Amino acid sequence: MRVVAVVLAAGAGRRIGGPKALLPIGETTFLAHVARGLERPGVAAVVAVIGHGARRVEAEAGVPPGVALVVNPRPDDGMLGSVILGLEAAEARGAEAVLLHPVDHPFVSPAATDLVLAALAAGARIAVPSYGGRRGHPGGFARATWAALREAPPRLGVRAVLTRHPDWVVHLPADEGCLSGIDTREDYERRLGLLGKSWRGAR
């Protein structure tokens, strides 16, 4: 199965002070870190959908060579628009399935990603890692689900497809990293051990 990974990185990051794609993690950025994590056996290509601060993200994120950047011109319309642009980019690359990975989940383990890839290869329509009964990332979506994604209500987005088609979903027990999102400055400081130090958030 030909799988294309799509990093969803178009948001403004208003609660954290700037695009999360540019948040530092180690010696790199969230976007570069997530993109590298998706360069797994079984992933044919990685696409990143950017939006707010697109020129700066392109210039400063340090995205690995070979990662295609797609600009969402209407990022404030919600994440579903980025998902649809990602599907179009994946389709153009001959994909039979996509991995959807929000950029603000940089702690996903390679093992969790590999579980999703294996489930897709085994015929799952939708495969999601989970921890403690909660769905995590990245979500794997076979081509048979793409029409439903494109027709989903923008307000609900991907969640609408997961809710309406529970029989499509294969839940894969994974580690806690699949749930660990960064929404606020406090999340960032806590997860990266920066409490009490100067915060180098997106500026």
C-alpha atoms as a PDB file:
ATOM      1  CA  MET A   1       0.000   0.000   0.000  1.00  0.00           C
ATOM      2  CA  ARG A   2       1.330   3.431  -0.947  1.00  0.00           C
ATOM      3  CA  VAL A   3       0.958   5.746   2.064  1.00  0.00           C
ATOM      4  CA  VAL A   4       1.580   9.501   2.133  1.00  0.00           C
ATOM      5  CA  ALA A   5       1.971  11.224   5.492  1.00  0.00           C
ATOM      6  CA  VAL A   6       0.352  14.648   5.885  1.00  0.00           C
ATOM      7  CA  VAL A   7       1.494  17.015   8.641  1.00  0.00           C
ATOM      8  CA  LEU A   8      -1.238  19.514   9.526  1.00  0.00           C
ATOM      9  CA  ALA A   9       0.642  22.714  10.385  1.00  0.00           C
ATOM     10  CA  ALA A  10      -1.442  25.657   9.153  1.00  0.00           C
ATOM     11  CA  GLY A  11      -2.687  27.047  12.475  1.00  0.00           C
ATOM     12  CA  ALA A  12      -1.849  30.431  13.955  1.00  0.00           C
ATOM     13  CA  GLY A  13      -0.976  29.085  17.407  1.00  0.00           C
ATOM     14  CA  ARG A  14      -2.673  32.063  19.040  1.00  0.00           C
ATOM     15  CA  ARG A  15      -2.663  30.527  22.517  1.00  0.00           C
ATOM     16  CA  ILE A  16       1.050  29.905  22.339  1.00  0.00           C
ATOM     17  CA  GLY A  17       2.262  33.044  20.597  1.00  0.00           C
ATOM     18  CA  GLY A  18       2.828  31.959  17.007  1.00  0.00           C
ATOM     19  CA  PRO A  19       2.774  29.037  14.585  1.00  0.00           C
ATOM     20  CA  LYS A  20       3.400  25.776  16.426  1.00  0.00           C
ATOM     21  CA  ALA A  21       5.352  24.599  13.393  1.00  0.00           C
ATOM     22  CA  LEU A  22       8.193  26.844  14.591  1.00  0.00           C
ATOM     23  CA  LEU A  23       8.246  25.868  18.262  1.00  0.00           C
ATOM     24  CA  PRO A  24      11.720  24.662  19.236  1.00  0.00           C
ATOM     25  CA  ILE A  25      12.207  21.058  20.276  1.00  0.00           C
ATOM     26  CA  GLY A  26      15.801  20.131  20.912  1.00  0.00           C
ATOM     27  CA  GLU A  27      17.864  21.599  18.113  1.00  0.00           C
ATOM     28  CA  THR A  28      15.017  21.676  15.619  1.00  0.00           C
ATOM     29  CA  THR A  29      11.376  22.722  15.248  1.00  0.00           C
ATOM     30  CA  PHE A  30       8.091  20.924  15.762  1.00  0.00           C
ATOM     31  CA  LEU A  31       7.488  20.740  12.015  1.00  0.00           C
ATOM     32  CA  ALA A  32      10.903  19.331  11.178  1.00  0.00           C
ATOM     33  CA  HIS A  33      10.748  16.914  14.103  1.00  0.00           C
ATOM     34  CA  VAL A  34       7.317  15.568  13.179  1.00  0.00           C
ATOM     35  CA  ALA A  35       8.212  15.325   9.485  1.00  0.00           C
ATOM     36  CA  ARG A  36      11.348  13.320  10.267  1.00  0.00           C
ATOM     37  CA  GLY A  37       9.360  11.043  12.546  1.00  0.00           C
ATOM     38  CA  LEU A  38       7.071  10.201   9.651  1.00  0.00           C
ATOM     39  CA  GLU A  39       9.914   9.157   7.389  1.00  0.00           C
ATOM     40  CA  ARG A  40       9.283   5.490   8.181  1.00  0.00           C
ATOM     41  CA  PRO A  41       9.483   2.342   6.079  1.00  0.00           C
ATOM     42  CA  GLY A  42       6.094   2.153   4.400  1.00  0.00           C
ATOM     43  CA  VAL A  43       5.694   5.931   4.023  1.00  0.00           C
ATOM     44  CA  ALA A  44       6.199   6.898   0.396  1.00  0.00           C
ATOM     45  CA  ALA A  45       6.223  10.680   0.901  1.00  0.00           C
ATOM     46  CA  VAL A  46       5.657  13.380   3.505  1.00  0.00           C
ATOM     47  CA  VAL A  47       3.584  16.494   2.828  1.00  0.00           C
ATOM     48  CA  ALA A  48       3.201  19.425   5.242  1.00  0.00           C
ATOM     49  CA  VAL A  49       0.214  21.756   4.961  1.00  0.00           C
ATOM     50  CA  ILE A  50       1.159  25.190   6.274  1.00  0.00           C
ATOM     51  CA  GLY A  51      -0.836  28.420   6.435  1.00  0.00           C
ATOM     52  CA  HIS A  52      -0.298  31.158   9.004  1.00  0.00           C
ATOM     53  CA  GLY A  53       3.184  32.613   8.656  1.00  0.00           C
ATOM     54  CA  ALA A  54       3.761  30.360   5.660  1.00  0.00           C
ATOM     55  CA  ARG A  55       6.761  32.270   4.310  1.00  0.00           C
ATOM     56  CA  ARG A  56       8.429  32.304   7.695  1.00  0.00           C
ATOM     57  CA  VAL A  57       7.647  28.648   8.317  1.00  0.00           C
ATOM     58  CA  GLU A  58       9.100  27.732   4.942  1.00  0.00           C
ATOM     59  CA  ALA A  59      12.228  29.753   5.665  1.00  0.00           C
ATOM     60  CA  GLU A  60      12.809  28.839   9.303  1.00  0.00           C
ATOM     61  CA  ALA A  61      11.282  25.450  10.075  1.00  0.00           C
ATOM     62  CA  GLY A  62      14.213  23.454   8.742  1.00  0.00           C
ATOM     63  CA  VAL A  63      11.960  20.981   6.967  1.00  0.00           C
ATOM     64  CA  PRO A  64      13.891  17.943   5.724  1.00  0.00           C
ATOM     65  CA  PRO A  65      14.662  17.748   1.995  1.00  0.00           C
ATOM     66  CA  GLY A  66      11.959  15.943   0.112  1.00  0.00           C
ATOM     67  CA  VAL A  67       9.094  17.102   2.325  1.00  0.00           C
ATOM     68  CA  ALA A  68       6.567  18.906   0.121  1.00  0.00           C
ATOM     69  CA  LEU A  69       5.008  22.106   1.484  1.00  0.00           C
ATOM     70  CA  VAL A  70       1.415  22.958   0.570  1.00  0.00           C
ATOM     71  CA  VAL A  71      -0.032  26.337   1.583  1.00  0.00           C
ATOM     72  CA  ASN A  72      -3.583  26.546   2.900  1.00  0.00           C
ATOM     73  CA  PRO A  73      -4.804  30.027   1.861  1.00  0.00           C
ATOM     74  CA  ARG A  74      -7.725  29.902   4.335  1.00  0.00           C
ATOM     75  CA  PRO A  75      -6.296  28.389   7.521  1.00  0.00           C
ATOM     76  CA  ASP A  76      -8.859  30.088   9.761  1.00  0.00           C
ATOM     77  CA  ASP A  77     -11.647  28.050   8.169  1.00  0.00           C
ATOM     78  CA  GLY A  78     -10.573  25.074  10.264  1.00  0.00           C
ATOM     79  CA  MET A  79      -8.363  22.019  10.060  1.00  0.00           C
ATOM     80  CA  LEU A  80     -10.606  20.187   7.604  1.00  0.00           C
ATOM     81  CA  GLY A  81      -9.442  22.520   4.830  1.00  0.00           C
ATOM     82  CA  SER A  82      -5.870  21.443   5.496  1.00  0.00           C
ATOM     83  CA  VAL A  83      -6.928  17.806   5.542  1.00  0.00           C
ATOM     84  CA  ILE A  84      -8.557  18.170   2.125  1.00  0.00           C
ATOM     85  CA  LEU A  85      -5.481  19.901   0.700  1.00  0.00           C
ATOM     86  CA  GLY A  86      -3.406  17.081   2.130  1.00  0.00           C
ATOM     87  CA  LEU A  87      -5.635  14.512   0.463  1.00  0.00           C
ATOM     88  CA  GLU A  88      -5.237  16.288  -2.863  1.00  0.00           C
ATOM     89  CA  ALA A  89      -1.454  16.323  -2.496  1.00  0.00           C
ATOM     90  CA  ALA A  90      -1.452  12.658  -1.506  1.00  0.00           C
ATOM     91  CA  GLU A  91      -3.707  11.722  -4.411  1.00  0.00           C
ATOM     92  CA  ALA A  92      -1.358  13.505  -6.814  1.00  0.00           C
ATOM     93  CA  ARG A  93       1.410  11.280  -5.449  1.00  0.00           C
ATOM     94  CA  GLY A  94      -0.532   8.089  -6.079  1.00  0.00           C
ATOM     95  CA  ALA A  95      -1.429   7.436  -2.451  1.00  0.00           C
ATOM     96  CA  GLU A  96      -3.754   4.639  -1.427  1.00  0.00           C
ATOM     97  CA  ALA A  97      -3.868   5.879   2.176  1.00  0.00           C
ATOM     98  CA  VAL A  98      -2.769   8.853   4.255  1.00  0.00           C
ATOM     99  CA  LEU A  99      -1.440   9.394   7.742  1.00  0.00           C
ATOM    100  CA  LEU A 100      -2.845  12.599   9.257  1.00  0.00           C
ATOM    101  CA  HIS A 101      -0.548  14.047  11.913  1.00  0.00           C
ATOM    102  CA  PRO A 102      -1.122  17.438  13.630  1.00  0.00           C
ATOM    103  CA  VAL A 103       2.147  19.305  14.109  1.00  0.00           C
ATOM    104  CA  ASP A 104       1.370  19.959  17.778  1.00  0.00           C
ATOM    105  CA  HIS A 105       1.784  16.262  18.647  1.00  0.00           C
ATOM    106  CA  PRO A 106       5.579  15.911  18.509  1.00  0.00           C
ATOM    107  CA  PHE A 107       5.859  13.047  21.014  1.00  0.00           C
ATOM    108  CA  VAL A 108       4.359  10.292  18.865  1.00  0.00           C
ATOM    109  CA  SER A 109       6.650   7.270  18.933  1.00  0.00           C
ATOM    110  CA  PRO A 110       7.861   5.491  15.800  1.00  0.00           C
ATOM    111  CA  ALA A 111       6.202   2.362  17.188  1.00  0.00           C
ATOM    112  CA  ALA A 112       2.775   4.042  17.189  1.00  0.00           C
ATOM    113  CA  THR A 113       3.221   5.164  13.587  1.00  0.00           C
ATOM    114  CA  ASP A 114       4.324   1.690  12.568  1.00  0.00           C
ATOM    115  CA  LEU A 115       1.208   0.167  14.178  1.00  0.00           C
ATOM    116  CA  VAL A 116      -0.980   2.392  12.020  1.00  0.00           C
ATOM    117  CA  LEU A 117       0.968   1.552   8.872  1.00  0.00           C
ATOM    118  CA  ALA A 118       0.661  -2.158   9.581  1.00  0.00           C
ATOM    119  CA  ALA A 119      -3.088  -1.913  10.146  1.00  0.00           C
ATOM    120  CA  LEU A 120      -3.567  -0.044   6.876  1.00  0.00           C
ATOM    121  CA  ALA A 121      -1.499  -2.651   5.052  1.00  0.00           C
ATOM    122  CA  ALA A 122      -3.734  -5.335   6.590  1.00  0.00           C
ATOM    123  CA  GLY A 123      -6.842  -3.704   5.148  1.00  0.00           C
ATOM    124  CA  ALA A 124      -8.086  -1.254   7.799  1.00  0.00           C
ATOM    125  CA  ARG A 125     -10.118   1.642   6.457  1.00  0.00           C
ATOM    126  CA  ILE A 126      -9.194   3.810   9.436  1.00  0.00           C
ATOM    127  CA  ALA A 127      -6.481   3.010  11.980  1.00  0.00           C
ATOM    128  CA  VAL A 128      -5.785   5.093  15.077  1.00  0.00           C
ATOM    129  CA  PRO A 129      -3.391   4.578  17.976  1.00  0.00           C
ATOM    130  CA  SER A 130      -5.029   4.879  21.367  1.00  0.00           C
ATOM    131  CA  TYR A 131      -4.062   5.145  25.007  1.00  0.00           C
ATOM    132  CA  GLY A 132      -6.324   4.867  28.012  1.00  0.00           C
ATOM    133  CA  GLY A 133      -9.381   4.567  25.792  1.00  0.00           C
ATOM    134  CA  ARG A 134      -8.661   7.825  23.945  1.00  0.00           C
ATOM    135  CA  ARG A 135      -7.866   8.177  20.247  1.00  0.00           C
ATOM    136  CA  GLY A 136      -4.465   9.569  19.365  1.00  0.00           C
ATOM    137  CA  HIS A 137      -2.288  10.384  16.348  1.00  0.00           C
ATOM    138  CA  PRO A 138      -1.412   9.821  13.600  1.00  0.00           C
ATOM    139  CA  GLY A 139      -4.660   8.591  12.123  1.00  0.00           C
ATOM    140  CA  GLY A 140      -4.469   6.378   9.076  1.00  0.00           C
ATOM    141  CA  PHE A 141      -7.178   6.765   6.414  1.00  0.00           C
ATOM    142  CA  ALA A 142      -7.455   4.475   3.401  1.00  0.00           C
ATOM    143  CA  ARG A 143      -8.676   5.864   0.088  1.00  0.00           C
ATOM    144  CA  ALA A 144     -12.145   4.370   0.699  1.00  0.00           C
ATOM    145  CA  THR A 145     -12.690   6.985   3.438  1.00  0.00           C
ATOM    146  CA  TRP A 146     -11.581  10.067   1.539  1.00  0.00           C
ATOM    147  CA  ALA A 147     -15.005  10.919   0.126  1.00  0.00           C
ATOM    148  CA  ALA A 148     -16.405  10.927   3.666  1.00  0.00           C
ATOM    149  CA  LEU A 149     -13.576  13.189   4.819  1.00  0.00           C
ATOM    150  CA  ARG A 150     -14.214  15.634   1.991  1.00  0.00           C
ATOM    151  CA  GLU A 151     -17.941  15.708   2.793  1.00  0.00           C
ATOM    152  CA  ALA A 152     -17.541  16.127   6.563  1.00  0.00           C
ATOM    153  CA  PRO A 153     -19.010  19.240   8.234  1.00  0.00           C
ATOM    154  CA  PRO A 154     -16.171  21.776   8.545  1.00  0.00           C
ATOM    155  CA  ARG A 155     -16.987  22.407  12.199  1.00  0.00           C
ATOM    156  CA  LEU A 156     -16.520  18.738  13.102  1.00  0.00           C
ATOM    157  CA  GLY A 157     -13.996  17.709  10.478  1.00  0.00           C
ATOM    158  CA  VAL A 158     -12.337  14.323  10.850  1.00  0.00           C
ATOM    159  CA  ARG A 159     -14.165  13.631  14.118  1.00  0.00           C
ATOM    160  CA  ALA A 160     -17.432  13.446  12.185  1.00  0.00           C
ATOM    161  CA  VAL A 161     -16.122  10.560  10.085  1.00  0.00           C
ATOM    162  CA  LEU A 162     -14.842   8.703  13.141  1.00  0.00           C
ATOM    163  CA  THR A 163     -18.193   9.167  14.890  1.00  0.00           C
ATOM    164  CA  ARG A 164     -20.391   8.265  11.929  1.00  0.00           C
ATOM    165  CA  HIS A 165     -18.399   5.202  10.900  1.00  0.00           C
ATOM    166  CA  PRO A 166     -17.198   3.424  14.052  1.00  0.00           C
ATOM    167  CA  ASP A 167     -17.180   0.151  12.149  1.00  0.00           C
ATOM    168  CA  TRP A 168     -14.402   1.517   9.941  1.00  0.00           C
ATOM    169  CA  VAL A 169     -12.077   2.255  12.853  1.00  0.00           C
ATOM    170  CA  VAL A 170      -9.367  -0.086  14.142  1.00  0.00           C
ATOM    171  CA  HIS A 171      -8.051   1.033  17.546  1.00  0.00           C
ATOM    172  CA  LEU A 172      -4.413   0.196  18.209  1.00  0.00           C
ATOM    173  CA  PRO A 173      -3.079   0.220  21.786  1.00  0.00           C
ATOM    174  CA  ALA A 174      -0.060   2.516  21.860  1.00  0.00           C
ATOM    175  CA  ASP A 175       1.961   4.612  24.302  1.00  0.00           C
ATOM    176  CA  GLU A 176       0.901   7.916  25.840  1.00  0.00           C
ATOM    177  CA  GLY A 177       2.847   9.962  23.300  1.00  0.00           C
ATOM    178  CA  CYS A 178       0.078   9.527  20.741  1.00  0.00           C
ATOM    179  CA  LEU A 179      -2.137  11.764  22.931  1.00  0.00           C
ATOM    180  CA  SER A 180       0.381  14.388  23.997  1.00  0.00           C
ATOM    181  CA  GLY A 181      -0.610  17.611  22.263  1.00  0.00           C
ATOM    182  CA  ILE A 182       0.738  21.097  22.893  1.00  0.00           C
ATOM    183  CA  ASP A 183      -1.993  23.752  23.077  1.00  0.00           C
ATOM    184  CA  THR A 184      -0.652  26.387  25.479  1.00  0.00           C
ATOM    185  CA  ARG A 185       2.587  27.847  26.758  1.00  0.00           C
ATOM    186  CA  GLU A 186       2.108  25.835  29.949  1.00  0.00           C
ATOM    187  CA  ASP A 187       1.775  22.608  27.966  1.00  0.00           C
ATOM    188  CA  TYR A 188       4.974  23.402  26.134  1.00  0.00           C
ATOM    189  CA  GLU A 189       6.963  24.275  29.238  1.00  0.00           C
ATOM    190  CA  ARG A 190       5.742  21.237  31.143  1.00  0.00           C
ATOM    191  CA  ARG A 191       6.360  18.749  28.367  1.00  0.00           C
ATOM    192  CA  LEU A 192       9.770  20.079  27.377  1.00  0.00           C
ATOM    193  CA  GLY A 193      10.979  20.659  30.936  1.00  0.00           C
ATOM    194  CA  LEU A 194      11.318  24.401  30.533  1.00  0.00           C
ATOM    195  CA  LEU A 195       9.526  25.531  33.708  1.00  0.00           C
ATOM    196  CA  GLY A 196      11.519  28.217  35.464  1.00  0.00           C
ATOM    197  CA  LYS A 197      13.572  28.947  32.357  1.00  0.00           C
ATOM    198  CA  SER A 198      13.137  31.518  29.612  1.00  0.00           C
ATOM    199  CA  TRP A 199      10.594  30.330  27.087  1.00  0.00           C
ATOM    200  CA  ARG A 200      11.803  30.319  23.489  1.00  0.00           C
ATOM    201  CA  GLY A 201       8.342  30.001  21.963  1.00  0.00           C
ATOM    202  CA  ALA A 202       7.478  30.989  18.402  1.00  0.00           C
ATOM    203  CA  ARG A 203       8.203  34.671  17.991  1.00  0.00           C
END
